[in-house]
């Protein structure tokens, strides 16, 4: 199971970079997708963090997820 969890860091990395790219877009639709991709990366990093007992990373992902939900709401306005 640990080996599978180790592999999660790469999709989490890609999702984080892709989300940052999308959120920086001038297009409202791309920004909205970016926040959803960020939320997916938060989940991936959290799963990975539990396997690694990286409690600070998990706390960070919870805080970032809250900010991403806020971003989603602001984009939908």
N, C-alpha and C. Protein backbone atom coordinates (compact mmCIF):
# COMPACT_ATOMS: atom_id res chain seq x y z
N UNK A 1 0.82 -1.20 0.00
CA UNK A 1 0.00 0.00 0.00
C UNK A 1 0.86 1.25 0.00
N UNK A 2 1.98 1.21 0.68
CA UNK A 2 2.87 2.36 0.75
C UNK A 2 3.41 2.74 -0.62
N UNK A 3 3.69 1.72 -1.44
CA UNK A 3 4.20 2.00 -2.79
C UNK A 3 3.16 2.72 -3.63
N UNK A 4 1.90 2.31 -3.49
CA UNK A 4 0.83 2.99 -4.23
C UNK A 4 0.70 4.43 -3.75
N UNK A 5 0.75 4.62 -2.44
CA UNK A 5 0.65 5.97 -1.89
C UNK A 5 1.82 6.84 -2.37
N UNK A 6 3.01 6.24 -2.47
CA UNK A 6 4.16 6.99 -2.97
C UNK A 6 3.92 7.49 -4.39
N UNK A 7 3.20 6.71 -5.18
CA UNK A 7 2.92 7.12 -6.56
C UNK A 7 1.93 8.28 -6.62
N UNK A 8 1.15 8.51 -5.56
CA UNK A 8 0.17 9.60 -5.55
C UNK A 8 0.81 10.98 -5.59
N UNK A 9 2.05 11.06 -5.14
CA UNK A 9 2.67 12.39 -5.11
C UNK A 9 2.86 12.95 -6.52
N UNK A 10 3.02 12.12 -7.52
CA UNK A 10 3.23 12.62 -8.88
C UNK A 10 1.95 13.14 -9.51
N UNK A 11 0.84 12.41 -9.43
CA UNK A 11 -0.41 13.01 -9.92
C UNK A 11 -0.80 14.26 -9.11
N UNK A 12 -0.52 14.25 -7.82
CA UNK A 12 -0.80 15.42 -6.99
C UNK A 12 0.02 16.61 -7.45
N UNK A 13 1.28 16.37 -7.76
CA UNK A 13 2.17 17.40 -8.28
C UNK A 13 1.64 17.96 -9.60
N UNK A 14 1.30 17.07 -10.52
CA UNK A 14 0.81 17.50 -11.84
C UNK A 14 -0.49 18.27 -11.69
N UNK A 15 -1.40 17.78 -10.85
CA UNK A 15 -2.67 18.47 -10.63
C UNK A 15 -2.45 19.86 -10.04
N UNK A 16 -1.52 19.99 -9.12
CA UNK A 16 -1.24 21.29 -8.51
C UNK A 16 -0.71 22.29 -9.54
N UNK A 17 0.21 21.85 -10.37
CA UNK A 17 0.79 22.74 -11.39
C UNK A 17 -0.27 23.10 -12.44
N UNK A 18 -1.03 22.11 -12.89
CA UNK A 18 -2.09 22.37 -13.86
C UNK A 18 -3.13 23.33 -13.29
N UNK A 19 -3.51 23.12 -12.05
CA UNK A 19 -4.50 23.99 -11.42
C UNK A 19 -4.00 25.42 -11.32
N UNK A 20 -2.75 25.60 -10.95
CA UNK A 20 -2.18 26.95 -10.88
C UNK A 20 -2.21 27.62 -12.25
N UNK A 21 -1.91 26.86 -13.28
CA UNK A 21 -1.95 27.38 -14.65
C UNK A 21 -3.38 27.83 -15.01
N UNK A 22 -4.34 26.98 -14.69
CA UNK A 22 -5.73 27.28 -15.02
C UNK A 22 -6.28 28.46 -14.23
N UNK A 23 -5.97 28.53 -12.95
CA UNK A 23 -6.47 29.61 -12.10
C UNK A 23 -5.91 30.96 -12.55
N UNK A 24 -4.75 30.96 -13.15
CA UNK A 24 -4.13 32.21 -13.62
C UNK A 24 -4.72 32.69 -14.94
N UNK A 25 -5.64 31.93 -15.51
CA UNK A 25 -6.23 32.29 -16.79
C UNK A 25 -7.16 33.49 -16.67
N UNK A 26 -7.29 34.22 -17.75
CA UNK A 26 -8.26 35.32 -17.81
C UNK A 26 -9.67 34.82 -18.09
N UNK A 27 -9.78 33.57 -18.53
CA UNK A 27 -11.07 32.98 -18.84
C UNK A 27 -11.73 32.44 -17.57
N UNK A 28 -12.95 32.90 -17.30
CA UNK A 28 -13.66 32.51 -16.08
C UNK A 28 -13.86 30.99 -16.01
N UNK A 29 -14.18 30.36 -17.12
CA UNK A 29 -14.40 28.92 -17.14
C UNK A 29 -13.15 28.14 -16.78
N UNK A 30 -12.01 28.57 -17.32
CA UNK A 30 -10.74 27.89 -16.99
C UNK A 30 -10.39 28.07 -15.52
N UNK A 31 -10.63 29.29 -15.01
CA UNK A 31 -10.37 29.52 -13.58
C UNK A 31 -11.23 28.60 -12.72
N UNK A 32 -12.49 28.47 -13.10
CA UNK A 32 -13.39 27.61 -12.35
C UNK A 32 -12.90 26.16 -12.36
N UNK A 33 -12.49 25.67 -13.52
CA UNK A 33 -11.94 24.31 -13.62
C UNK A 33 -10.68 24.20 -12.76
N UNK A 34 -9.87 25.24 -12.77
CA UNK A 34 -8.64 25.24 -11.97
C UNK A 34 -8.90 25.03 -10.50
N UNK A 35 -9.95 25.66 -9.97
CA UNK A 35 -10.26 25.46 -8.55
C UNK A 35 -10.69 24.02 -8.27
N UNK A 36 -11.42 23.40 -9.20
CA UNK A 36 -11.79 21.99 -9.04
C UNK A 36 -10.55 21.09 -9.10
N UNK A 37 -9.64 21.40 -10.00
CA UNK A 37 -8.40 20.62 -10.09
C UNK A 37 -7.58 20.80 -8.82
N UNK A 38 -7.56 22.04 -8.30
CA UNK A 38 -6.87 22.26 -7.02
C UNK A 38 -7.49 21.40 -5.92
N UNK A 39 -8.81 21.32 -5.88
CA UNK A 39 -9.45 20.49 -4.85
C UNK A 39 -9.06 19.02 -5.01
N UNK A 40 -8.97 18.57 -6.25
CA UNK A 40 -8.52 17.19 -6.48
C UNK A 40 -7.08 17.00 -5.98
N UNK A 41 -6.24 18.00 -6.23
CA UNK A 41 -4.85 17.90 -5.75
C UNK A 41 -4.81 17.92 -4.23
N UNK A 42 -5.70 18.68 -3.59
CA UNK A 42 -5.77 18.69 -2.12
C UNK A 42 -6.07 17.29 -1.60
N UNK A 43 -7.00 16.60 -2.25
CA UNK A 43 -7.35 15.24 -1.84
C UNK A 43 -6.15 14.31 -2.02
N UNK A 44 -5.51 14.39 -3.18
CA UNK A 44 -4.35 13.52 -3.45
C UNK A 44 -3.23 13.76 -2.44
N UNK A 45 -2.92 15.03 -2.18
CA UNK A 45 -1.86 15.34 -1.21
C UNK A 45 -2.24 14.88 0.19
N UNK A 46 -3.52 14.99 0.53
CA UNK A 46 -3.96 14.56 1.86
C UNK A 46 -3.82 13.05 2.02
N UNK A 47 -4.23 12.29 1.01
CA UNK A 47 -4.08 10.83 1.06
C UNK A 47 -2.60 10.47 1.19
N UNK A 48 -1.78 11.12 0.38
CA UNK A 48 -0.35 10.86 0.45
C UNK A 48 0.19 11.24 1.84
N UNK A 49 -0.26 12.38 2.36
CA UNK A 49 0.19 12.85 3.67
C UNK A 49 -0.15 11.89 4.80
N UNK A 50 -1.33 11.28 4.74
CA UNK A 50 -1.70 10.30 5.77
C UNK A 50 -0.76 9.11 5.74
N UNK A 51 -0.43 8.64 4.55
CA UNK A 51 0.50 7.50 4.42
C UNK A 51 1.87 7.85 4.99
N UNK A 52 2.29 9.08 4.79
CA UNK A 52 3.62 9.50 5.22
C UNK A 52 3.64 10.11 6.62
N UNK A 53 2.44 10.23 7.22
CA UNK A 53 2.29 10.89 8.53
C UNK A 53 2.82 12.32 8.47
N UNK A 54 2.52 12.99 7.38
CA UNK A 54 2.94 14.38 7.16
C UNK A 54 1.81 15.30 7.61
N UNK A 55 1.70 15.49 8.91
CA UNK A 55 0.56 16.19 9.49
C UNK A 55 0.51 17.66 9.08
N UNK A 56 1.63 18.31 8.96
CA UNK A 56 1.64 19.71 8.53
C UNK A 56 1.14 19.83 7.08
N UNK A 57 1.52 18.88 6.25
CA UNK A 57 1.05 18.89 4.86
C UNK A 57 -0.47 18.70 4.82
N UNK A 58 -0.99 17.83 5.65
CA UNK A 58 -2.44 17.60 5.69
C UNK A 58 -3.14 18.87 6.15
N UNK A 59 -2.63 19.51 7.19
CA UNK A 59 -3.22 20.76 7.67
C UNK A 59 -3.18 21.83 6.58
N UNK A 60 -2.07 21.90 5.86
CA UNK A 60 -1.95 22.86 4.75
C UNK A 60 -3.01 22.57 3.69
N UNK A 61 -3.20 21.32 3.34
CA UNK A 61 -4.16 20.96 2.30
C UNK A 61 -5.59 21.29 2.71
N UNK A 62 -5.90 21.12 3.99
CA UNK A 62 -7.24 21.50 4.48
C UNK A 62 -7.43 23.01 4.34
N UNK A 63 -6.43 23.78 4.74
CA UNK A 63 -6.51 25.24 4.61
C UNK A 63 -6.62 25.66 3.14
N UNK A 64 -5.82 25.05 2.29
CA UNK A 64 -5.87 25.38 0.86
C UNK A 64 -7.20 24.98 0.24
N UNK A 65 -7.77 23.86 0.69
CA UNK A 65 -9.08 23.42 0.17
C UNK A 65 -10.15 24.45 0.53
N UNK A 66 -10.09 24.97 1.74
CA UNK A 66 -11.04 26.01 2.15
C UNK A 66 -10.90 27.23 1.25
N UNK A 67 -9.67 27.64 0.96
CA UNK A 67 -9.45 28.77 0.07
C UNK A 67 -9.91 28.46 -1.35
N UNK A 68 -9.75 27.22 -1.79
CA UNK A 68 -10.21 26.84 -3.13
C UNK A 68 -11.72 26.87 -3.22
N UNK A 69 -12.41 26.47 -2.17
CA UNK A 69 -13.87 26.56 -2.15
C UNK A 69 -14.28 28.03 -2.21
N UNK A 70 -13.58 28.87 -1.50
CA UNK A 70 -13.84 30.32 -1.55
C UNK A 70 -13.63 30.83 -2.97
N UNK A 71 -12.57 30.39 -3.62
CA UNK A 71 -12.30 30.79 -5.00
C UNK A 71 -13.40 30.34 -5.95
N UNK A 72 -13.90 29.12 -5.74
CA UNK A 72 -15.01 28.63 -6.55
C UNK A 72 -16.24 29.53 -6.42
N UNK A 73 -16.54 29.90 -5.19
CA UNK A 73 -17.71 30.75 -4.94
C UNK A 73 -17.53 32.11 -5.59
N UNK A 74 -16.32 32.67 -5.49
CA UNK A 74 -16.07 33.98 -6.09
C UNK A 74 -16.09 33.93 -7.62
N UNK A 75 -15.66 32.82 -8.18
CA UNK A 75 -15.66 32.67 -9.63
C UNK A 75 -17.09 32.54 -10.15
N UNK A 76 -17.97 31.90 -9.36
CA UNK A 76 -19.34 31.71 -9.79
C UNK A 76 -20.19 32.98 -9.67
N UNK A 77 -19.70 33.99 -8.96
CA UNK A 77 -20.47 35.24 -8.80
C UNK A 77 -20.63 35.96 -10.10
